[in-house]
Amino acid sequence: CSVSGSIFSFNVMRWNRQAPGKQRELVAEF
């Protein structure tokens, strides 16, 4: 995941996923 600005501008970075017919799910956060 490439961020256009400084990554230090944010308090959290997350990865989420969504499978067909299912709700979006939080996978991991930093």
Full PDB file with SEQRES, HELIX, SHEET, SSBOND, CRYST1, ORIGX, SCALE, CONECT and MASTER records, all heavy atoms in Angstrom:
SEQRES   1 A   30  CYS SER VAL SER GLY SER ILE PHE SER PHE ASN VAL MET          
SEQRES   2 A   30  ARG TRP ASN ARG GLN ALA PRO GLY LYS GLN ARG GLU LEU          
SEQRES   3 A   30  VAL ALA GLU PHE                                              
HELIX    1 AA1 ILE A    7  SER A    9  5                                   3    
SHEET    1 AA1 2 ARG A  14  ARG A  17  0                                        
SHEET    2 AA1 2 GLU A  25  GLU A  29 -1                                        
CRYST1    1.000    1.000    1.000  90.00  90.00  90.00 P 1           1          
ORIGX1      1.000000  0.000000  0.000000        0.00000                         
ORIGX2      0.000000  1.000000  0.000000        0.00000                         
ORIGX3      0.000000  0.000000  1.000000        0.00000                         
SCALE1      1.000000  0.000000  0.000000        0.00000                         
SCALE2      0.000000  1.000000  0.000000        0.00000                         
SCALE3      0.000000  0.000000  1.000000        0.00000                         
ATOM      1  N   CYS A   1       0.859  -1.176   0.000  1.00  0.00           N  
ATOM      2  CA  CYS A   1       0.000   0.000   0.000  1.00  0.00           C  
ATOM      3  C   CYS A   1       0.894   1.224   0.000  1.00  0.00           C  
ATOM      4  O   CYS A   1       1.545   1.527   1.006  1.00  0.00           O  
ATOM      5  CB  CYS A   1      -0.922  -0.007   1.222  1.00  0.00           C  
ATOM      6  SG  CYS A   1      -1.918   1.492   1.406  1.00  0.00           S  
ATOM      7  N   SER A   2       0.925   1.911  -1.120  1.00  0.00           N  
ATOM      8  CA  SER A   2       1.740   3.108  -1.267  1.00  0.00           C  
ATOM      9  C   SER A   2       0.908   4.334  -0.900  1.00  0.00           C  
ATOM     10  O   SER A   2      -0.177   4.540  -1.443  1.00  0.00           O  
ATOM     11  CB  SER A   2       2.260   3.219  -2.699  1.00  0.00           C  
ATOM     12  OG  SER A   2       3.019   4.396  -2.871  1.00  0.00           O  
ATOM     13  N   VAL A   3       1.425   5.146   0.004  1.00  0.00           N  
ATOM     14  CA  VAL A   3       0.735   6.342   0.480  1.00  0.00           C  
ATOM     15  C   VAL A   3       1.358   7.564  -0.164  1.00  0.00           C  
ATOM     16  O   VAL A   3       2.578   7.723  -0.162  1.00  0.00           O  
ATOM     17  CB  VAL A   3       0.816   6.450   2.015  1.00  0.00           C  
ATOM     18  CG1 VAL A   3       0.054   7.672   2.509  1.00  0.00           C  
ATOM     19  CG2 VAL A   3       0.280   5.187   2.662  1.00  0.00           C  
ATOM     20  N   SER A   4       0.518   8.458  -0.691  1.00  0.00           N  
ATOM     21  CA  SER A   4       1.017   9.619  -1.424  1.00  0.00           C  
ATOM     22  C   SER A   4       1.757  10.606  -0.531  1.00  0.00           C  
ATOM     23  O   SER A   4       2.730  11.214  -0.958  1.00  0.00           O  
ATOM     24  CB  SER A   4      -0.135  10.325  -2.141  1.00  0.00           C  
ATOM     25  OG  SER A   4      -1.089  10.812  -1.215  1.00  0.00           O  
ATOM     26  N   GLY A   5       1.284  10.804   0.686  1.00  0.00           N  
ATOM     27  CA  GLY A   5       1.922  11.707   1.624  1.00  0.00           C  
ATOM     28  C   GLY A   5       2.765  10.951   2.627  1.00  0.00           C  
ATOM     29  O   GLY A   5       3.038   9.760   2.474  1.00  0.00           O  
ATOM     30  N   SER A   6       3.165  11.663   3.667  1.00  0.00           N  
ATOM     31  CA  SER A   6       3.952  11.039   4.721  1.00  0.00           C  
ATOM     32  C   SER A   6       3.088  10.083   5.527  1.00  0.00           C  
ATOM     33  O   SER A   6       1.985  10.424   5.945  1.00  0.00           O  
ATOM     34  CB  SER A   6       4.554  12.095   5.643  1.00  0.00           C  
ATOM     35  OG  SER A   6       5.206  11.497   6.743  1.00  0.00           O  
ATOM     36  N   ILE A   7       3.610   8.910   5.762  1.00  0.00           N  
ATOM     37  CA  ILE A   7       2.881   7.918   6.536  1.00  0.00           C  
ATOM     38  C   ILE A   7       2.738   8.354   7.993  1.00  0.00           C  
ATOM     39  O   ILE A   7       1.856   7.861   8.702  1.00  0.00           O  
ATOM     40  CB  ILE A   7       3.573   6.546   6.419  1.00  0.00           C  
ATOM     41  CG1 ILE A   7       2.597   5.422   6.771  1.00  0.00           C  
ATOM     42  CG2 ILE A   7       4.813   6.486   7.295  1.00  0.00           C  
ATOM     43  CD1 ILE A   7       3.104   4.051   6.393  1.00  0.00           C  
ATOM     44  N   PHE A   8       3.565   9.293   8.411  1.00  0.00           N  
ATOM     45  CA  PHE A   8       3.493   9.796   9.782  1.00  0.00           C  
ATOM     46  C   PHE A   8       2.304  10.729  10.000  1.00  0.00           C  
ATOM     47  O   PHE A   8       2.045  11.134  11.134  1.00  0.00           O  
ATOM     48  CB  PHE A   8       4.792  10.517  10.150  1.00  0.00           C  
ATOM     49  CG  PHE A   8       5.991   9.635  10.160  1.00  0.00           C  
ATOM     50  CD1 PHE A   8       6.951   9.730   9.168  1.00  0.00           C  
ATOM     51  CD2 PHE A   8       6.169   8.693  11.162  1.00  0.00           C  
ATOM     52  CE1 PHE A   8       8.063   8.910   9.172  1.00  0.00           C  
ATOM     53  CE2 PHE A   8       7.279   7.872  11.175  1.00  0.00           C  
ATOM     54  CZ  PHE A   8       8.226   7.977  10.176  1.00  0.00           C  
ATOM     55  N   SER A   9       1.590  11.074   8.954  1.00  0.00           N  
ATOM     56  CA  SER A   9       0.399  11.899   9.080  1.00  0.00           C  
ATOM     57  C   SER A   9      -0.773  11.127   9.671  1.00  0.00           C  
ATOM     58  O   SER A   9      -1.774  11.734  10.048  1.00  0.00           O  
ATOM     59  CB  SER A   9      -0.009  12.461   7.715  1.00  0.00           C  
ATOM     60  OG  SER A   9       1.011  13.295   7.187  1.00  0.00           O  
ATOM     61  N   PHE A  10      -0.649   9.815   9.742  1.00  0.00           N  
ATOM     62  CA  PHE A  10      -1.746   8.969  10.173  1.00  0.00           C  
ATOM     63  C   PHE A  10      -1.399   8.211  11.445  1.00  0.00           C  
ATOM     64  O   PHE A  10      -0.249   7.861  11.688  1.00  0.00           O  
ATOM     65  CB  PHE A  10      -2.127   7.990   9.062  1.00  0.00           C  
ATOM     66  CG  PHE A  10      -2.419   8.672   7.763  1.00  0.00           C  
ATOM     67  CD1 PHE A  10      -1.477   8.696   6.756  1.00  0.00           C  
ATOM     68  CD2 PHE A  10      -3.630   9.307   7.565  1.00  0.00           C  
ATOM     69  CE1 PHE A  10      -1.735   9.336   5.559  1.00  0.00           C  
ATOM     70  CE2 PHE A  10      -3.900   9.954   6.373  1.00  0.00           C  
ATOM     71  CZ  PHE A  10      -2.956   9.967   5.372  1.00  0.00           C  
ATOM     72  N   ASN A  11      -2.431   7.951  12.232  1.00  0.00           N  
ATOM     73  CA  ASN A  11      -2.252   7.226  13.481  1.00  0.00           C  
ATOM     74  C   ASN A  11      -2.402   5.723  13.318  1.00  0.00           C  
ATOM     75  O   ASN A  11      -1.941   4.962  14.161  1.00  0.00           O  
ATOM     76  CB  ASN A  11      -3.247   7.714  14.528  1.00  0.00           C  
ATOM     77  CG  ASN A  11      -3.096   9.182  14.852  1.00  0.00           C  
ATOM     78  OD1 ASN A  11      -4.050   9.951  14.743  1.00  0.00           O  
ATOM     79  ND2 ASN A  11      -1.896   9.589  15.242  1.00  0.00           N  
ATOM     80  N   VAL A  12      -3.058   5.318  12.251  1.00  0.00           N  
ATOM     81  CA  VAL A  12      -3.285   3.896  12.025  1.00  0.00           C  
ATOM     82  C   VAL A  12      -3.340   3.599  10.538  1.00  0.00           C  
ATOM     83  O   VAL A  12      -3.867   4.393   9.749  1.00  0.00           O  
ATOM     84  CB  VAL A  12      -4.583   3.430  12.725  1.00  0.00           C  
ATOM     85  CG1 VAL A  12      -5.801   4.107  12.117  1.00  0.00           C  
ATOM     86  CG2 VAL A  12      -4.706   1.916  12.680  1.00  0.00           C  
ATOM     87  N   MET A  13      -2.763   2.474  10.171  1.00  0.00           N  
ATOM     88  CA  MET A  13      -2.884   1.941   8.830  1.00  0.00           C  
ATOM     89  C   MET A  13      -3.548   0.581   8.946  1.00  0.00           C  
ATOM     90  O   MET A  13      -3.224  -0.196   9.841  1.00  0.00           O  
ATOM     91  CB  MET A  13      -1.519   1.809   8.156  1.00  0.00           C  
ATOM     92  CG  MET A  13      -0.770   3.126   7.991  1.00  0.00           C  
ATOM     93  SD  MET A  13      -1.618   4.281   6.865  1.00  0.00           S  
ATOM     94  CE  MET A  13      -1.617   3.324   5.349  1.00  0.00           C  
ATOM     95  N   ARG A  14      -4.460   0.308   8.033  1.00  0.00           N  
ATOM     96  CA  ARG A  14      -5.246  -0.917   8.115  1.00  0.00           C  
ATOM     97  C   ARG A  14      -5.316  -1.639   6.783  1.00  0.00           C  
ATOM     98  O   ARG A  14      -5.266  -1.029   5.711  1.00  0.00           O  
ATOM     99  CB  ARG A  14      -6.680  -0.616   8.583  1.00  0.00           C  
ATOM    100  CG  ARG A  14      -6.789  -0.093  10.003  1.00  0.00           C  
ATOM    101  CD  ARG A  14      -8.254   0.031  10.396  1.00  0.00           C  
ATOM    102  NE  ARG A  14      -8.445   0.309  11.816  1.00  0.00           N  
ATOM    103  CZ  ARG A  14      -8.873   1.458  12.304  1.00  0.00           C  
ATOM    104  NH1 ARG A  14      -9.169   2.469  11.487  1.00  0.00           N  
ATOM    105  NH2 ARG A  14      -9.014   1.617  13.620  1.00  0.00           N  
ATOM    106  N   TRP A  15      -5.443  -2.931   6.876  1.00  0.00           N  
ATOM    107  CA  TRP A  15      -5.793  -3.773   5.742  1.00  0.00           C  
ATOM    108  C   TRP A  15      -7.169  -4.388   6.013  1.00  0.00           C  
ATOM    109  O   TRP A  15      -7.403  -4.936   7.092  1.00  0.00           O  
ATOM    110  CB  TRP A  15      -4.772  -4.889   5.515  1.00  0.00           C  
ATOM    111  CG  TRP A  15      -3.519  -4.433   4.839  1.00  0.00           C  
ATOM    112  CD1 TRP A  15      -2.321  -4.169   5.415  1.00  0.00           C  
ATOM    113  CD2 TRP A  15      -3.358  -4.196   3.433  1.00  0.00           C  
ATOM    114  NE1 TRP A  15      -1.409  -3.787   4.462  1.00  0.00           N  
ATOM    115  CE2 TRP A  15      -2.015  -3.794   3.242  1.00  0.00           C  
ATOM    116  CE3 TRP A  15      -4.206  -4.289   2.319  1.00  0.00           C  
ATOM    117  CZ2 TRP A  15      -1.494  -3.477   1.984  1.00  0.00           C  
ATOM    118  CZ3 TRP A  15      -3.698  -3.974   1.072  1.00  0.00           C  
ATOM    119  CH2 TRP A  15      -2.363  -3.575   0.914  1.00  0.00           C  
ATOM    120  N   ASN A  16      -8.038  -4.274   5.033  1.00  0.00           N  
ATOM    121  CA  ASN A  16      -9.379  -4.833   5.113  1.00  0.00           C  
ATOM    122  C   ASN A  16      -9.609  -5.714   3.894  1.00  0.00           C  
ATOM    123  O   ASN A  16      -8.886  -5.627   2.901  1.00  0.00           O  
ATOM    124  CB  ASN A  16     -10.438  -3.724   5.135  1.00  0.00           C  
ATOM    125  CG  ASN A  16     -10.128  -2.636   6.141  1.00  0.00           C  
ATOM    126  OD1 ASN A  16     -10.614  -2.660   7.264  1.00  0.00           O  
ATOM    127  ND2 ASN A  16      -9.318  -1.661   5.739  1.00  0.00           N  
ATOM    128  N   ARG A  17     -10.621  -6.557   3.966  1.00  0.00           N  
ATOM    129  CA  ARG A  17     -10.960  -7.377   2.815  1.00  0.00           C  
ATOM    130  C   ARG A  17     -12.464  -7.590   2.747  1.00  0.00           C  
ATOM    131  O   ARG A  17     -13.165  -7.517   3.752  1.00  0.00           O  
ATOM    132  CB  ARG A  17     -10.237  -8.723   2.856  1.00  0.00           C  
ATOM    133  CG  ARG A  17     -10.695  -9.663   3.966  1.00  0.00           C  
ATOM    134  CD  ARG A  17      -9.825 -10.915   3.995  1.00  0.00           C  
ATOM    135  NE  ARG A  17     -10.252 -11.856   5.012  1.00  0.00           N  
ATOM    136  CZ  ARG A  17      -9.595 -12.965   5.331  1.00  0.00           C  
ATOM    137  NH1 ARG A  17      -8.465 -13.271   4.698  1.00  0.00           N  
ATOM    138  NH2 ARG A  17     -10.056 -13.774   6.277  1.00  0.00           N  
ATOM    139  N   GLN A  18     -12.928  -7.859   1.544  1.00  0.00           N  
ATOM    140  CA  GLN A  18     -14.338  -8.140   1.341  1.00  0.00           C  
ATOM    141  C   GLN A  18     -14.492  -9.225   0.286  1.00  0.00           C  
ATOM    142  O   GLN A  18     -14.044  -9.063  -0.850  1.00  0.00           O  
ATOM    143  CB  GLN A  18     -15.105  -6.892   0.922  1.00  0.00           C  
ATOM    144  CG  GLN A  18     -16.609  -7.096   0.856  1.00  0.00           C  
ATOM    145  CD  GLN A  18     -17.369  -5.793   0.759  1.00  0.00           C  
ATOM    146  OE1 GLN A  18     -16.853  -4.795   0.258  1.00  0.00           O  
ATOM    147  NE2 GLN A  18     -18.603  -5.787   1.240  1.00  0.00           N  
ATOM    148  N   ALA A  19     -15.114 -10.310   0.679  1.00  0.00           N  
ATOM    149  CA  ALA A  19     -15.407 -11.402  -0.226  1.00  0.00           C  
ATOM    150  C   ALA A  19     -16.809 -11.220  -0.792  1.00  0.00           C  
ATOM    151  O   ALA A  19     -17.657 -10.577  -0.169  1.00  0.00           O  
ATOM    152  CB  ALA A  19     -15.292 -12.737   0.502  1.00  0.00           C  
ATOM    153  N   PRO A  20     -17.089 -11.780  -1.959  1.00  0.00           N  
ATOM    154  CA  PRO A  20     -18.422 -11.653  -2.556  1.00  0.00           C  
ATOM    155  C   PRO A  20     -19.524 -12.139  -1.616  1.00  0.00           C  
ATOM    156  O   PRO A  20     -19.432 -13.229  -1.055  1.00  0.00           O  
ATOM    157  CB  PRO A  20     -18.338 -12.529  -3.807  1.00  0.00           C  
ATOM    158  CG  PRO A  20     -16.888 -12.531  -4.164  1.00  0.00           C  
ATOM    159  CD  PRO A  20     -16.171 -12.525  -2.837  1.00  0.00           C  
ATOM    160  N   GLY A  21     -20.545 -11.306  -1.435  1.00  0.00           N  
ATOM    161  CA  GLY A  21     -21.670 -11.670  -0.598  1.00  0.00           C  
ATOM    162  C   GLY A  21     -21.427 -11.568   0.890  1.00  0.00           C  
ATOM    163  O   GLY A  21     -22.301 -11.935   1.677  1.00  0.00           O  
ATOM    164  N   LYS A  22     -20.269 -11.072   1.299  1.00  0.00           N  
ATOM    165  CA  LYS A  22     -19.944 -10.959   2.716  1.00  0.00           C  
ATOM    166  C   LYS A  22     -19.611  -9.519   3.087  1.00  0.00           C  
ATOM    167  O   LYS A  22     -19.295  -8.698   2.230  1.00  0.00           O  
ATOM    168  CB  LYS A  22     -18.780 -11.875   3.082  1.00  0.00           C  
ATOM    169  CG  LYS A  22     -19.078 -13.350   2.917  1.00  0.00           C  
ATOM    170  CD  LYS A  22     -17.930 -14.204   3.414  1.00  0.00           C  
ATOM    171  CE  LYS A  22     -18.254 -15.674   3.306  1.00  0.00           C  
ATOM    172  NZ  LYS A  22     -17.137 -16.522   3.807  1.00  0.00           N  
ATOM    173  N   GLN A  23     -19.688  -9.234   4.373  1.00  0.00           N  
ATOM    174  CA  GLN A  23     -19.362  -7.908   4.868  1.00  0.00           C  
ATOM    175  C   GLN A  23     -17.858  -7.675   4.840  1.00  0.00           C  
ATOM    176  O   GLN A  23     -17.062  -8.615   4.891  1.00  0.00           O  
ATOM    177  CB  GLN A  23     -19.890  -7.725   6.292  1.00  0.00           C  
ATOM    178  CG  GLN A  23     -21.401  -7.741   6.413  1.00  0.00           C  
ATOM    179  CD  GLN A  23     -21.861  -7.498   7.835  1.00  0.00           C  
ATOM    180  OE1 GLN A  23     -21.092  -7.614   8.783  1.00  0.00           O  
ATOM    181  NE2 GLN A  23     -23.127  -7.152   7.989  1.00  0.00           N  
ATOM    182  N   ARG A  24     -17.488  -6.409   4.774  1.00  0.00           N  
ATOM    183  CA  ARG A  24     -16.082  -6.054   4.823  1.00  0.00           C  
ATOM    184  C   ARG A  24     -15.519  -6.386   6.195  1.00  0.00           C  
ATOM    185  O   ARG A  24     -16.164  -6.160   7.225  1.00  0.00           O  
ATOM    186  CB  ARG A  24     -15.900  -4.573   4.508  1.00  0.00           C  
ATOM    187  CG  ARG A  24     -14.452  -4.148   4.366  1.00  0.00           C  
ATOM    188  CD  ARG A  24     -14.371  -2.742   3.814  1.00  0.00           C  
ATOM    189  NE  ARG A  24     -15.013  -1.784   4.686  1.00  0.00           N  
ATOM    190  CZ  ARG A  24     -15.606  -0.668   4.276  1.00  0.00           C  
ATOM    191  NH1 ARG A  24     -15.640  -0.395   2.977  1.00  0.00           N  
ATOM    192  NH2 ARG A  24     -16.156   0.157   5.142  1.00  0.00           N  
ATOM    193  N   GLU A  25     -14.314  -6.909   6.211  1.00  0.00           N  
ATOM    194  CA  GLU A  25     -13.683  -7.400   7.422  1.00  0.00           C  
ATOM    195  C   GLU A  25     -12.335  -6.729   7.634  1.00  0.00           C  
ATOM    196  O   GLU A  25     -11.537  -6.613   6.700  1.00  0.00           O  
ATOM    197  CB  GLU A  25     -13.509  -8.923   7.328  1.00  0.00           C  
ATOM    198  CG  GLU A  25     -12.729  -9.552   8.458  1.00  0.00           C  
ATOM    199  CD  GLU A  25     -12.406 -11.012   8.203  1.00  0.00           C  
ATOM    200  OE1 GLU A  25     -12.348 -11.408   7.019  1.00  0.00           O  
ATOM    201  OE2 GLU A  25     -12.221 -11.763   9.184  1.00  0.00           O  
ATOM    202  N   LEU A  26     -12.075  -6.307   8.854  1.00  0.00           N  
ATOM    203  CA  LEU A  26     -10.767  -5.789   9.209  1.00  0.00           C  
ATOM    204  C   LEU A  26      -9.811  -6.960   9.383  1.00  0.00           C  
ATOM    205  O   LEU A  26     -10.063  -7.865  10.182  1.00  0.00           O  
ATOM    206  CB  LEU A  26     -10.835  -4.966  10.495  1.00  0.00           C  
ATOM    207  CG  LEU A  26      -9.505  -4.467  11.061  1.00  0.00           C  
ATOM    208  CD1 LEU A  26      -8.831  -3.500  10.088  1.00  0.00           C  
ATOM    209  CD2 LEU A  26      -9.715  -3.815  12.420  1.00  0.00           C  
ATOM    210  N   VAL A  27      -8.720  -6.935   8.650  1.00  0.00           N  
ATOM    211  CA  VAL A  27      -7.754  -8.023   8.674  1.00  0.00           C  
ATOM    212  C   VAL A  27      -6.598  -7.731   9.617  1.00  0.00           C  
ATOM    213  O   VAL A  27      -6.208  -8.581  10.422  1.00  0.00           O  
ATOM    214  CB  VAL A  27      -7.219  -8.312   7.256  1.00  0.00           C  
ATOM    215  CG1 VAL A  27      -6.125  -9.369   7.290  1.00  0.00           C  
ATOM    216  CG2 VAL A  27      -8.365  -8.757   6.352  1.00  0.00           C  
ATOM    217  N   ALA A  28      -6.017  -6.543   9.494  1.00  0.00           N  
ATOM    218  CA  ALA A  28      -4.852  -6.192  10.292  1.00  0.00           C  
ATOM    219  C   ALA A  28      -4.739  -4.682  10.398  1.00  0.00           C  
ATOM    220  O   ALA A  28      -5.180  -3.956   9.507  1.00  0.00           O  
ATOM    221  CB  ALA A  28      -3.572  -6.778   9.687  1.00  0.00           C  
ATOM    222  N   GLU A  29      -4.137  -4.214  11.477  1.00  0.00           N  
ATOM    223  CA  GLU A  29      -3.906  -2.790  11.644  1.00  0.00           C  
ATOM    224  C   GLU A  29      -2.584  -2.543  12.341  1.00  0.00           C  
ATOM    225  O   GLU A  29      -2.137  -3.349  13.164  1.00  0.00           O  
ATOM    226  CB  GLU A  29      -5.053  -2.115  12.403  1.00  0.00           C  
ATOM    227  CG  GLU A  29      -5.436  -2.770  13.708  1.00  0.00           C  
ATOM    228  CD  GLU A  29      -6.716  -2.180  14.296  1.00  0.00           C  
ATOM    229  OE1 GLU A  29      -7.293  -1.255  13.700  1.00  0.00           O  
ATOM    230  OE2 GLU A  29      -7.141  -2.651  15.375  1.00  0.00           O  
ATOM    231  N   PHE A  30      -1.972  -1.421  11.986  1.00  0.00           N  
ATOM    232  CA  PHE A  30      -0.672  -1.025  12.504  1.00  0.00           C  
ATOM    233  C   PHE A  30      -0.810   0.382  13.053  1.00  0.00           C  
ATOM    234  O   PHE A  30      -1.068   1.328  12.305  1.00  0.00           O  
ATOM    235  CB  PHE A  30       0.374  -1.072  11.388  1.00  0.00           C  
ATOM    236  CG  PHE A  30       1.793  -0.945  11.857  1.00  0.00           C  
ATOM    237  CD1 PHE A  30       2.662  -2.022  11.763  1.00  0.00           C  
ATOM    238  CD2 PHE A  30       2.280   0.247  12.372  1.00  0.00           C  
ATOM    239  CE1 PHE A  30       3.977  -1.913  12.180  1.00  0.00           C  
ATOM    240  CE2 PHE A  30       3.592   0.370  12.803  1.00  0.00           C  
ATOM    241  CZ  PHE A  30       4.440  -0.727  12.701  1.00  0.00           C  
TER     242      PHE A  30                                                      
MASTER        0    0    0    1    2    0    0    6  241    1    0    3          
END                                                                             
